[in-house]
Protein backbone atom coordinates (compact mmCIF):
# COMPACT_ATOMS: atom_id res chain seq x y z
CA MET A 1 0.31 -0.14 0.15
CA SER A 2 1.22 3.56 -0.39
CA TYR A 3 0.16 7.13 -0.33
CA THR A 4 -1.13 9.32 -2.61
CA PRO A 5 -1.61 13.16 -1.77
CA GLN A 6 -4.84 14.66 -2.69
CA GLU A 7 -3.42 16.54 -5.12
CA LYS A 8 -2.20 14.28 -7.37
CA LEU A 9 -5.57 12.22 -6.97
CA LYS A 10 -7.72 14.85 -7.94
CA LYS A 11 -5.43 15.21 -11.35
CA MET A 12 -5.49 10.87 -11.60
CA GLU A 13 -8.89 11.33 -11.12
CA LYS A 14 -9.18 14.40 -13.85
CA GLU A 15 -7.32 12.76 -16.49
CA ALA A 16 -8.64 9.64 -15.63
CA TYR A 17 -12.54 10.72 -16.55
CA GLU A 18 -11.01 13.07 -19.54
CA LYS A 19 -9.50 9.86 -20.86
CA GLU A 20 -13.15 8.16 -20.42
CA LEU A 21 -11.50 5.10 -18.55
CA PRO A 22 -13.57 2.52 -16.98
CA TYR A 23 -12.22 2.92 -14.06
CA ALA A 24 -12.39 6.99 -13.20
CA ALA A 25 -14.60 6.46 -10.89
CA ILE A 26 -12.03 5.21 -8.26
CA PHE A 27 -10.55 8.38 -8.02
CA SER A 28 -13.49 9.96 -7.30
CA LEU A 29 -14.05 7.38 -4.16
CA LYS A 30 -10.58 7.42 -2.77
CA LEU A 31 -11.16 11.31 -2.85
CA ILE A 32 -14.08 11.02 -0.69
CA TRP A 33 -12.29 8.55 1.48
CA ASN A 34 -9.90 10.29 2.47
CA GLU A 35 -10.95 13.77 3.43
CA GLY A 36 -13.46 11.14 5.09
CA GLY A 37 -16.91 11.82 3.34
CA THR A 38 -19.42 9.49 1.82
CA LEU A 39 -21.82 9.31 -0.74
CA TYR A 40 -24.74 9.19 1.84
CA GLU A 41 -26.25 12.43 3.77
CA LYS A 42 -26.07 10.13 6.75
CA ARG A 43 -23.80 7.46 7.37
CA ASP A 44 -24.95 4.28 9.57
CA ASN A 45 -23.21 5.25 12.53
CA GLU A 46 -25.00 7.84 13.12
CA LEU A 47 -28.15 5.06 13.42
CA ILE A 48 -26.49 3.42 15.67
CA GLY A 49 -25.07 6.89 18.14
CA ALA A 50 -21.54 6.06 16.99
CA GLU A 51 -20.80 9.24 15.11
CA ASN A 52 -17.08 9.48 16.82
CA MET A 53 -15.25 6.44 15.61
CA GLU A 54 -11.09 6.31 15.92
CA THR A 55 -9.91 7.17 12.31
CA VAL A 56 -7.98 4.95 10.78
CA GLU A 57 -5.33 7.76 11.33
CA ASP A 58 -6.05 7.92 15.33
CA ALA A 59 -5.42 4.34 15.52
CA VAL A 60 -2.17 4.27 13.22
CA LYS A 61 -0.81 7.44 15.49
CA LYS A 62 -1.91 4.56 18.44
CA ALA A 63 -0.16 1.65 16.97
CA VAL A 64 3.11 3.60 16.36
CA GLN A 65 3.33 5.30 19.45
CA GLN A 66 3.13 2.19 21.24
CA GLN A 67 6.00 0.56 18.97
CA THR A 68 8.12 3.48 19.55
CA GLY A 69 7.57 3.58 23.35
CA GLY A 70 5.24 6.26 23.17
CA SER A 71 7.25 8.65 20.92
CA LYS A 72 5.41 10.84 18.90
CA ILE A 73 4.81 10.99 15.30
């Protein structure tokens, strides 16, 4: 797995749609998910009262801190 900066992802999305590539929508979804968004007005978490759950970023930071003896990243 690798990280793609948001601006590069936007450029890739634009080019994919311009070339009418069949997988262009994947870039759109990645952008939405990277920004913490969704395609829907509400998330299922809201229905069960779990709106403020830990993000993947928070979980990774916590795991790195545990592995490095508490060092902040």
